[in-house]
All heavy atoms as atom14 arrays in JSON, in Angstrom:
{
  "sequence": "LSPLAAVRAAIHQVLDQLKPDELELEQTRWRLVAQEPE",
  "atom14_mask": [
    [1, 1, 1, 1, 1, 1, 1, 1, 0, 0, 0, 0, 0, 0],
    [1, 1, 1, 1, 1, 1, 0, 0, 0, 0, 0, 0, 0, 0],
    [1, 1, 1, 1, 1, 1, 1, 0, 0, 0, 0, 0, 0, 0],
    [1, 1, 1, 1, 1, 1, 1, 1, 0, 0, 0, 0, 0, 0],
    [1, 1, 1, 1, 1, 0, 0, 0, 0, 0, 0, 0, 0, 0],
    [1, 1, 1, 1, 1, 0, 0, 0, 0, 0, 0, 0, 0, 0],
    [1, 1, 1, 1, 1, 1, 1, 0, 0, 0, 0, 0, 0, 0],
    [1, 1, 1, 1, 1, 1, 1, 1, 1, 1, 1, 0, 0, 0],
    [1, 1, 1, 1, 1, 0, 0, 0, 0, 0, 0, 0, 0, 0],
    [1, 1, 1, 1, 1, 0, 0, 0, 0, 0, 0, 0, 0, 0],
    [1, 1, 1, 1, 1, 1, 1, 1, 0, 0, 0, 0, 0, 0],
    [1, 1, 1, 1, 1, 1, 1, 1, 1, 1, 0, 0, 0, 0],
    [1, 1, 1, 1, 1, 1, 1, 1, 1, 0, 0, 0, 0, 0],
    [1, 1, 1, 1, 1, 1, 1, 0, 0, 0, 0, 0, 0, 0],
    [1, 1, 1, 1, 1, 1, 1, 1, 0, 0, 0, 0, 0, 0],
    [1, 1, 1, 1, 1, 1, 1, 1, 0, 0, 0, 0, 0, 0],
    [1, 1, 1, 1, 1, 1, 1, 1, 1, 0, 0, 0, 0, 0],
    [1, 1, 1, 1, 1, 1, 1, 1, 0, 0, 0, 0, 0, 0],
    [1, 1, 1, 1, 1, 1, 1, 1, 1, 0, 0, 0, 0, 0],
    [1, 1, 1, 1, 1, 1, 1, 0, 0, 0, 0, 0, 0, 0],
    [1, 1, 1, 1, 1, 1, 1, 1, 0, 0, 0, 0, 0, 0],
    [1, 1, 1, 1, 1, 1, 1, 1, 1, 0, 0, 0, 0, 0],
    [1, 1, 1, 1, 1, 1, 1, 1, 0, 0, 0, 0, 0, 0],
    [1, 1, 1, 1, 1, 1, 1, 1, 1, 0, 0, 0, 0, 0],
    [1, 1, 1, 1, 1, 1, 1, 1, 0, 0, 0, 0, 0, 0],
    [1, 1, 1, 1, 1, 1, 1, 1, 1, 0, 0, 0, 0, 0],
    [1, 1, 1, 1, 1, 1, 1, 1, 1, 0, 0, 0, 0, 0],
    [1, 1, 1, 1, 1, 1, 1, 0, 0, 0, 0, 0, 0, 0],
    [1, 1, 1, 1, 1, 1, 1, 1, 1, 1, 1, 0, 0, 0],
    [1, 1, 1, 1, 1, 1, 1, 1, 1, 1, 1, 1, 1, 1],
    [1, 1, 1, 1, 1, 1, 1, 1, 1, 1, 1, 0, 0, 0],
    [1, 1, 1, 1, 1, 1, 1, 1, 0, 0, 0, 0, 0, 0],
    [1, 1, 1, 1, 1, 1, 1, 0, 0, 0, 0, 0, 0, 0],
    [1, 1, 1, 1, 1, 0, 0, 0, 0, 0, 0, 0, 0, 0],
    [1, 1, 1, 1, 1, 1, 1, 1, 1, 0, 0, 0, 0, 0],
    [1, 1, 1, 1, 1, 1, 1, 1, 1, 0, 0, 0, 0, 0],
    [1, 1, 1, 1, 1, 1, 1, 0, 0, 0, 0, 0, 0, 0],
    [1, 1, 1, 1, 1, 1, 1, 1, 1, 0, 0, 0, 0, 0]
  ],
  "atom14_positions": [
    [[-18.4, 60.69, 4.88], [-18.55, 61.28, 3.51], [-19.09, 60.25, 2.56], [-18.71, 59.05, 2.63], [-17.17, 61.77, 3.0], [-16.52, 62.96, 3.67], [-15.21, 63.29, 3.02], [-17.46, 64.17, 3.65], [0.0, 0.0, 0.0], [0.0, 0.0, 0.0], [0.0, 0.0, 0.0], [0.0, 0.0, 0.0], [0.0, 0.0, 0.0], [0.0, 0.0, 0.0]],
    [[-19.97, 60.68, 1.63], [-20.38, 59.75, 0.63], [-19.25, 59.47, -0.32], [-18.2, 60.19, -0.27], [-21.5, 60.46, -0.2], [-20.96, 61.52, -1.02], [0.0, 0.0, 0.0], [0.0, 0.0, 0.0], [0.0, 0.0, 0.0], [0.0, 0.0, 0.0], [0.0, 0.0, 0.0], [0.0, 0.0, 0.0], [0.0, 0.0, 0.0], [0.0, 0.0, 0.0]],
    [[-19.35, 58.35, -1.15], [-18.24, 58.03, -2.02], [-17.83, 59.2, -2.91], [-16.61, 59.44, -3.09], [-18.78, 56.87, -2.83], [-19.71, 56.16, -1.86], [-20.39, 57.32, -1.16], [0.0, 0.0, 0.0], [0.0, 0.0, 0.0], [0.0, 0.0, 0.0], [0.0, 0.0, 0.0], [0.0, 0.0, 0.0], [0.0, 0.0, 0.0], [0.0, 0.0, 0.0]],
    [[-18.76, 59.9, -3.51], [-18.43, 61.0, -4.38], [-17.79, 62.17, -3.66], [-16.86, 62.82, -4.09], [-19.64, 61.47, -5.18], [-20.08, 60.56, -6.36], [-21.37, 61.05, -6.94], [-18.97, 60.49, -7.44], [0.0, 0.0, 0.0], [0.0, 0.0, 0.0], [0.0, 0.0, 0.0], [0.0, 0.0, 0.0], [0.0, 0.0, 0.0], [0.0, 0.0, 0.0]],
    [[-18.35, 62.46, -2.48], [-17.76, 63.56, -1.62], [-16.35, 63.2, -1.23], [-15.48, 64.07, -1.21], [-18.63, 63.78, -0.41], [0.0, 0.0, 0.0], [0.0, 0.0, 0.0], [0.0, 0.0, 0.0], [0.0, 0.0, 0.0], [0.0, 0.0, 0.0], [0.0, 0.0, 0.0], [0.0, 0.0, 0.0], [0.0, 0.0, 0.0], [0.0, 0.0, 0.0]],
    [[-16.12, 61.91, -0.93], [-14.77, 61.47, -0.59], [-13.81, 61.64, -1.77], [-12.64, 62.0, -1.58], [-14.82, 60.01, -0.12], [0.0, 0.0, 0.0], [0.0, 0.0, 0.0], [0.0, 0.0, 0.0], [0.0, 0.0, 0.0], [0.0, 0.0, 0.0], [0.0, 0.0, 0.0], [0.0, 0.0, 0.0], [0.0, 0.0, 0.0], [0.0, 0.0, 0.0]],
    [[-14.28, 61.34, -2.95], [-13.44, 61.52, -4.15], [-13.04, 62.96, -4.32], [-11.89, 63.34, -4.56], [-14.15, 61.0, -5.42], [-13.39, 61.38, -6.65], [-14.25, 59.44, -5.37], [0.0, 0.0, 0.0], [0.0, 0.0, 0.0], [0.0, 0.0, 0.0], [0.0, 0.0, 0.0], [0.0, 0.0, 0.0], [0.0, 0.0, 0.0], [0.0, 0.0, 0.0]],
    [[-14.06, 63.86, -4.22], [-13.76, 65.27, -4.31], [-12.78, 65.77, -3.31], [-11.84, 66.47, -3.6], [-15.05, 66.11, -4.17], [-16.1, 65.89, -5.27], [-17.39, 66.65, -5.03], [-17.2, 68.09, -5.22], [-18.12, 68.97, -4.92], [-19.31, 68.6, -4.47], [-17.93, 70.27, -5.14], [0.0, 0.0, 0.0], [0.0, 0.0, 0.0], [0.0, 0.0, 0.0]],
    [[-12.94, 65.32, -2.05], [-12.03, 65.7, -0.98], [-10.59, 65.18, -1.29], [-9.64, 65.88, -1.06], [-12.5, 65.18, 0.35], [0.0, 0.0, 0.0], [0.0, 0.0, 0.0], [0.0, 0.0, 0.0], [0.0, 0.0, 0.0], [0.0, 0.0, 0.0], [0.0, 0.0, 0.0], [0.0, 0.0, 0.0], [0.0, 0.0, 0.0], [0.0, 0.0, 0.0]],
    [[-10.52, 63.95, -1.77], [-9.19, 63.35, -2.05], [-8.49, 64.1, -3.15], [-7.26, 64.39, -3.09], [-9.36, 61.91, -2.44], [0.0, 0.0, 0.0], [0.0, 0.0, 0.0], [0.0, 0.0, 0.0], [0.0, 0.0, 0.0], [0.0, 0.0, 0.0], [0.0, 0.0, 0.0], [0.0, 0.0, 0.0], [0.0, 0.0, 0.0], [0.0, 0.0, 0.0]],
    [[-9.23, 64.46, -4.21], [-8.63, 65.22, -5.32], [-8.05, 66.53, -4.83], [-6.91, 66.9, -5.09], [-9.64, 65.45, -6.46], [-9.96, 64.12, -7.17], [-9.15, 66.48, -7.4], [-11.05, 64.2, -8.17], [0.0, 0.0, 0.0], [0.0, 0.0, 0.0], [0.0, 0.0, 0.0], [0.0, 0.0, 0.0], [0.0, 0.0, 0.0], [0.0, 0.0, 0.0]],
    [[-8.83, 67.27, -4.04], [-8.38, 68.56, -3.53], [-7.17, 68.38, -2.59], [-6.18, 69.13, -2.66], [-9.52, 69.28, -2.81], [-10.48, 69.96, -3.75], [-10.17, 71.12, -4.43], [-11.71, 69.61, -4.12], [-11.19, 71.46, -5.17], [-12.13, 70.57, -5.02], [0.0, 0.0, 0.0], [0.0, 0.0, 0.0], [0.0, 0.0, 0.0], [0.0, 0.0, 0.0]],
    [[-7.26, 67.36, -1.74], [-6.16, 67.14, -0.79], [-4.8, 66.86, -1.52], [-3.8, 67.39, -1.15], [-6.5, 65.96, 0.14], [-5.44, 65.7, 1.24], [-5.86, 64.55, 2.13], [-5.93, 63.38, 1.64], [-6.09, 64.85, 3.37], [0.0, 0.0, 0.0], [0.0, 0.0, 0.0], [0.0, 0.0, 0.0], [0.0, 0.0, 0.0], [0.0, 0.0, 0.0]],
    [[-4.88, 66.03, -2.51], [-3.62, 65.63, -3.22], [-3.11, 66.8, -4.09], [-1.93, 67.15, -4.07], [-3.83, 64.38, -4.05], [-2.64, 64.12, -4.96], [-4.08, 63.22, -3.15], [0.0, 0.0, 0.0], [0.0, 0.0, 0.0], [0.0, 0.0, 0.0], [0.0, 0.0, 0.0], [0.0, 0.0, 0.0], [0.0, 0.0, 0.0], [0.0, 0.0, 0.0]],
    [[-4.03, 67.42, -4.87], [-3.55, 68.43, -5.83], [-3.13, 69.69, -5.06], [-2.24, 70.42, -5.54], [-4.59, 68.71, -6.87], [-4.92, 67.5, -7.82], [-5.96, 67.94, -8.85], [-3.65, 67.02, -8.45], [0.0, 0.0, 0.0], [0.0, 0.0, 0.0], [0.0, 0.0, 0.0], [0.0, 0.0, 0.0], [0.0, 0.0, 0.0], [0.0, 0.0, 0.0]],
    [[-3.79, 70.04, -3.98], [-3.44, 71.2, -3.2], [-2.04, 71.1, -2.63], [-1.42, 72.11, -2.24], [-4.44, 71.5, -2.13], [-5.76, 72.0, -2.66], [-5.82, 72.33, -3.83], [-6.75, 72.05, -1.87], [0.0, 0.0, 0.0], [0.0, 0.0, 0.0], [0.0, 0.0, 0.0], [0.0, 0.0, 0.0], [0.0, 0.0, 0.0], [0.0, 0.0, 0.0]],
    [[-1.52, 69.87, -2.48], [-0.19, 69.68, -1.86], [0.93, 69.71, -2.92], [2.09, 69.68, -2.54], [-0.15, 68.34, -1.14], [-1.01, 68.31, 0.12], [-1.04, 66.96, 0.77], [-0.51, 66.01, 0.27], [-1.7, 66.88, 1.95], [0.0, 0.0, 0.0], [0.0, 0.0, 0.0], [0.0, 0.0, 0.0], [0.0, 0.0, 0.0], [0.0, 0.0, 0.0]],
    [[0.6, 69.78, -4.2], [1.61, 69.83, -5.24], [2.32, 71.17, -5.21], [1.69, 72.21, -5.07], [0.99, 69.6, -6.61], [0.42, 68.19, -6.93], [-0.12, 68.2, -8.33], [1.46, 67.14, -6.76], [0.0, 0.0, 0.0], [0.0, 0.0, 0.0], [0.0, 0.0, 0.0], [0.0, 0.0, 0.0], [0.0, 0.0, 0.0], [0.0, 0.0, 0.0]],
    [[3.61, 71.12, -5.39], [4.42, 72.37, -5.52], [4.09, 72.95, -6.91], [3.7, 72.23, -7.81], [5.87, 72.02, -5.37], [6.28, 71.48, -4.05], [7.76, 71.05, -4.03], [8.11, 70.44, -2.67], [9.51, 69.94, -2.62], [0.0, 0.0, 0.0], [0.0, 0.0, 0.0], [0.0, 0.0, 0.0], [0.0, 0.0, 0.0], [0.0, 0.0, 0.0]],
    [[4.35, 74.23, -7.1], [4.06, 74.9, -8.36], [4.71, 74.15, -9.57], [4.06, 74.03, -10.59], [4.58, 76.3, -8.19], [4.5, 76.55, -6.69], [4.75, 75.21, -6.08], [0.0, 0.0, 0.0], [0.0, 0.0, 0.0], [0.0, 0.0, 0.0], [0.0, 0.0, 0.0], [0.0, 0.0, 0.0], [0.0, 0.0, 0.0], [0.0, 0.0, 0.0]],
    [[5.99, 73.76, -9.45], [6.63, 73.1, -10.58], [6.02, 71.73, -10.82], [5.9, 71.27, -11.98], [8.13, 73.0, -10.36], [8.48, 72.15, -9.1], [7.79, 72.24, -8.1], [9.44, 71.37, -9.19], [0.0, 0.0, 0.0], [0.0, 0.0, 0.0], [0.0, 0.0, 0.0], [0.0, 0.0, 0.0], [0.0, 0.0, 0.0], [0.0, 0.0, 0.0]],
    [[5.57, 71.05, -9.79], [4.89, 69.74, -9.95], [3.56, 69.92, -10.64], [3.18, 69.13, -11.54], [4.7, 69.08, -8.55], [6.0, 68.68, -7.87], [5.8, 68.16, -6.47], [4.84, 68.63, -5.8], [6.56, 67.28, -6.06], [0.0, 0.0, 0.0], [0.0, 0.0, 0.0], [0.0, 0.0, 0.0], [0.0, 0.0, 0.0], [0.0, 0.0, 0.0]],
    [[2.82, 70.96, -10.22], [1.56, 71.19, -10.89], [1.74, 71.6, -12.36], [0.96, 71.18, -13.2], [0.76, 72.32, -10.15], [-0.59, 72.64, -10.62], [-1.51, 71.41, -10.6], [-1.23, 73.77, -9.83], [0.0, 0.0, 0.0], [0.0, 0.0, 0.0], [0.0, 0.0, 0.0], [0.0, 0.0, 0.0], [0.0, 0.0, 0.0], [0.0, 0.0, 0.0]],
    [[2.79, 72.37, -12.63], [3.08, 72.71, -14.04], [3.29, 71.53, -14.9], [2.83, 71.43, -16.03], [4.29, 73.65, -14.09], [4.61, 74.11, -15.49], [5.84, 74.96, -15.61], [6.7, 74.89, -14.65], [6.0, 75.64, -16.65], [0.0, 0.0, 0.0], [0.0, 0.0, 0.0], [0.0, 0.0, 0.0], [0.0, 0.0, 0.0], [0.0, 0.0, 0.0]],
    [[4.09, 70.57, -14.38], [4.35, 69.32, -15.12], [3.08, 68.49, -15.33], [2.86, 67.91, -16.38], [5.42, 68.46, -14.39], [6.85, 69.06, -14.48], [7.82, 68.1, -13.77], [7.27, 69.19, -15.96], [0.0, 0.0, 0.0], [0.0, 0.0, 0.0], [0.0, 0.0, 0.0], [0.0, 0.0, 0.0], [0.0, 0.0, 0.0], [0.0, 0.0, 0.0]],
    [[2.22, 68.48, -14.28], [0.97, 67.75, -14.39], [0.08, 68.42, -15.5], [-0.49, 67.72, -16.33], [0.18, 67.78, -13.1], [0.53, 66.59, -12.17], [0.21, 65.26, -12.82], [-0.97, 64.98, -13.08], [1.13, 64.47, -13.02], [0.0, 0.0, 0.0], [0.0, 0.0, 0.0], [0.0, 0.0, 0.0], [0.0, 0.0, 0.0], [0.0, 0.0, 0.0]],
    [[0.08, 69.73, -15.51], [-0.71, 70.45, -16.52], [-0.13, 70.21, -17.92], [-0.87, 70.07, -18.91], [-0.77, 71.95, -16.2], [-1.6, 72.22, -14.95], [-1.5, 73.67, -14.48], [-0.48, 74.35, -14.75], [-2.47, 74.15, -13.78], [0.0, 0.0, 0.0], [0.0, 0.0, 0.0], [0.0, 0.0, 0.0], [0.0, 0.0, 0.0], [0.0, 0.0, 0.0]],
    [[1.21, 70.15, -18.01], [1.86, 69.8, -19.3], [1.4, 68.43, -19.77], [1.07, 68.23, -20.96], [3.36, 69.86, -19.11], [3.76, 71.19, -18.77], [4.05, 69.39, -20.39], [0.0, 0.0, 0.0], [0.0, 0.0, 0.0], [0.0, 0.0, 0.0], [0.0, 0.0, 0.0], [0.0, 0.0, 0.0], [0.0, 0.0, 0.0], [0.0, 0.0, 0.0]],
    [[1.39, 67.51, -18.85], [0.96, 66.09, -19.15], [-0.47, 66.1, -19.67], [-0.78, 65.46, -20.73], [1.13, 65.23, -17.92], [1.04, 63.73, -18.17], [1.35, 62.98, -16.88], [0.26, 63.14, -15.93], [-0.85, 62.45, -15.96], [-1.12, 61.6, -16.94], [-1.79, 62.62, -15.02], [0.0, 0.0, 0.0], [0.0, 0.0, 0.0], [0.0, 0.0, 0.0]],
    [[-1.37, 66.83, -18.98], [-2.74, 66.87, -19.39], [-2.94, 67.46, -20.78], [-3.67, 66.98, -21.63], [-3.6, 67.64, -18.36], [-3.62, 67.04, -16.98], [-3.44, 65.71, -16.65], [-3.76, 67.77, -15.73], [-3.49, 65.56, -15.27], [-3.69, 66.79, -14.73], [-3.94, 69.08, -15.44], [-3.83, 67.16, -13.37], [-4.08, 69.41, -14.08], [-4.01, 68.44, -13.07]],
    [[-2.2, 68.56, -21.01], [-2.31, 69.24, -22.31], [-1.79, 68.37, -23.43], [-2.4, 68.32, -24.55], [-1.59, 70.57, -22.31], [-2.26, 71.68, -21.57], [-1.62, 73.04, -21.84], [-0.26, 73.11, -21.35], [0.11, 73.51, -20.14], [-0.8, 73.91, -19.28], [1.36, 73.57, -19.81], [0.0, 0.0, 0.0], [0.0, 0.0, 0.0], [0.0, 0.0, 0.0]],
    [[-0.72, 67.63, -23.21], [-0.13, 66.76, -24.25], [-1.15, 65.67, -24.62], [-1.29, 65.35, -25.79], [1.16, 66.12, -23.7], [2.39, 67.02, -23.75], [3.48, 66.34, -22.92], [2.84, 67.28, -25.15], [0.0, 0.0, 0.0], [0.0, 0.0, 0.0], [0.0, 0.0, 0.0], [0.0, 0.0, 0.0], [0.0, 0.0, 0.0], [0.0, 0.0, 0.0]],
    [[-1.85, 65.09, -23.63], [-2.8, 64.04, -23.92], [-3.87, 64.62, -24.84], [-4.34, 63.92, -25.78], [-3.47, 63.53, -22.61], [-4.61, 62.59, -22.94], [-2.4, 62.8, -21.81], [0.0, 0.0, 0.0], [0.0, 0.0, 0.0], [0.0, 0.0, 0.0], [0.0, 0.0, 0.0], [0.0, 0.0, 0.0], [0.0, 0.0, 0.0], [0.0, 0.0, 0.0]],
    [[-4.3, 65.84, -24.63], [-5.37, 66.44, -25.42], [-4.85, 66.82, -26.83], [-5.64, 66.75, -27.79], [-5.91, 67.67, -24.71], [0.0, 0.0, 0.0], [0.0, 0.0, 0.0], [0.0, 0.0, 0.0], [0.0, 0.0, 0.0], [0.0, 0.0, 0.0], [0.0, 0.0, 0.0], [0.0, 0.0, 0.0], [0.0, 0.0, 0.0], [0.0, 0.0, 0.0]],
    [[-3.6, 67.23, -26.91], [-3.15, 67.82, -28.19], [-2.5, 66.84, -29.14], [-2.6, 67.0, -30.38], [-2.05, 68.87, -27.88], [-2.63, 70.05, -27.12], [-1.53, 70.95, -26.51], [-0.34, 70.69, -26.67], [-1.97, 72.05, -25.88], [0.0, 0.0, 0.0], [0.0, 0.0, 0.0], [0.0, 0.0, 0.0], [0.0, 0.0, 0.0], [0.0, 0.0, 0.0]],
    [[-1.88, 65.74, -28.61], [-1.14, 64.83, -29.48], [-2.08, 63.68, -29.96], [-2.54, 62.91, -29.13], [0.05, 64.27, -28.75], [1.1, 65.31, -28.43], [1.79, 65.86, -29.67], [1.84, 65.14, -30.7], [2.26, 67.01, -29.61], [0.0, 0.0, 0.0], [0.0, 0.0, 0.0], [0.0, 0.0, 0.0], [0.0, 0.0, 0.0], [0.0, 0.0, 0.0]],
    [[-2.26, 63.52, -31.24], [-3.1, 62.42, -31.76], [-2.64, 61.04, -31.28], [-3.51, 60.16, -30.93], [-2.95, 62.53, -33.27], [-2.6, 63.97, -33.51], [-1.76, 64.42, -32.34], [0.0, 0.0, 0.0], [0.0, 0.0, 0.0], [0.0, 0.0, 0.0], [0.0, 0.0, 0.0], [0.0, 0.0, 0.0], [0.0, 0.0, 0.0], [0.0, 0.0, 0.0]],
    [[-1.34, 60.77, -31.21], [-0.84, 59.48, -30.73], [-1.33, 59.2, -29.31], [-1.71, 58.11, -28.94], [0.68, 59.49, -30.76], [1.32, 58.25, -30.21], [2.81, 58.34, -30.04], [3.42, 59.23, -30.61], [3.41, 57.47, -29.33], [0.0, 0.0, 0.0], [0.0, 0.0, 0.0], [0.0, 0.0, 0.0], [0.0, 0.0, 0.0], [0.0, 0.0, 0.0]]
  ]
}
């Protein structure tokens, strides 16, 4: 795999293994970063 293809594969592999509650917390974390000025 090329470096970029390997990155894409790694992202899918890791995130696809998250349980629904784990993914929800990750999404909460991402939204907070975008919403909170601090």
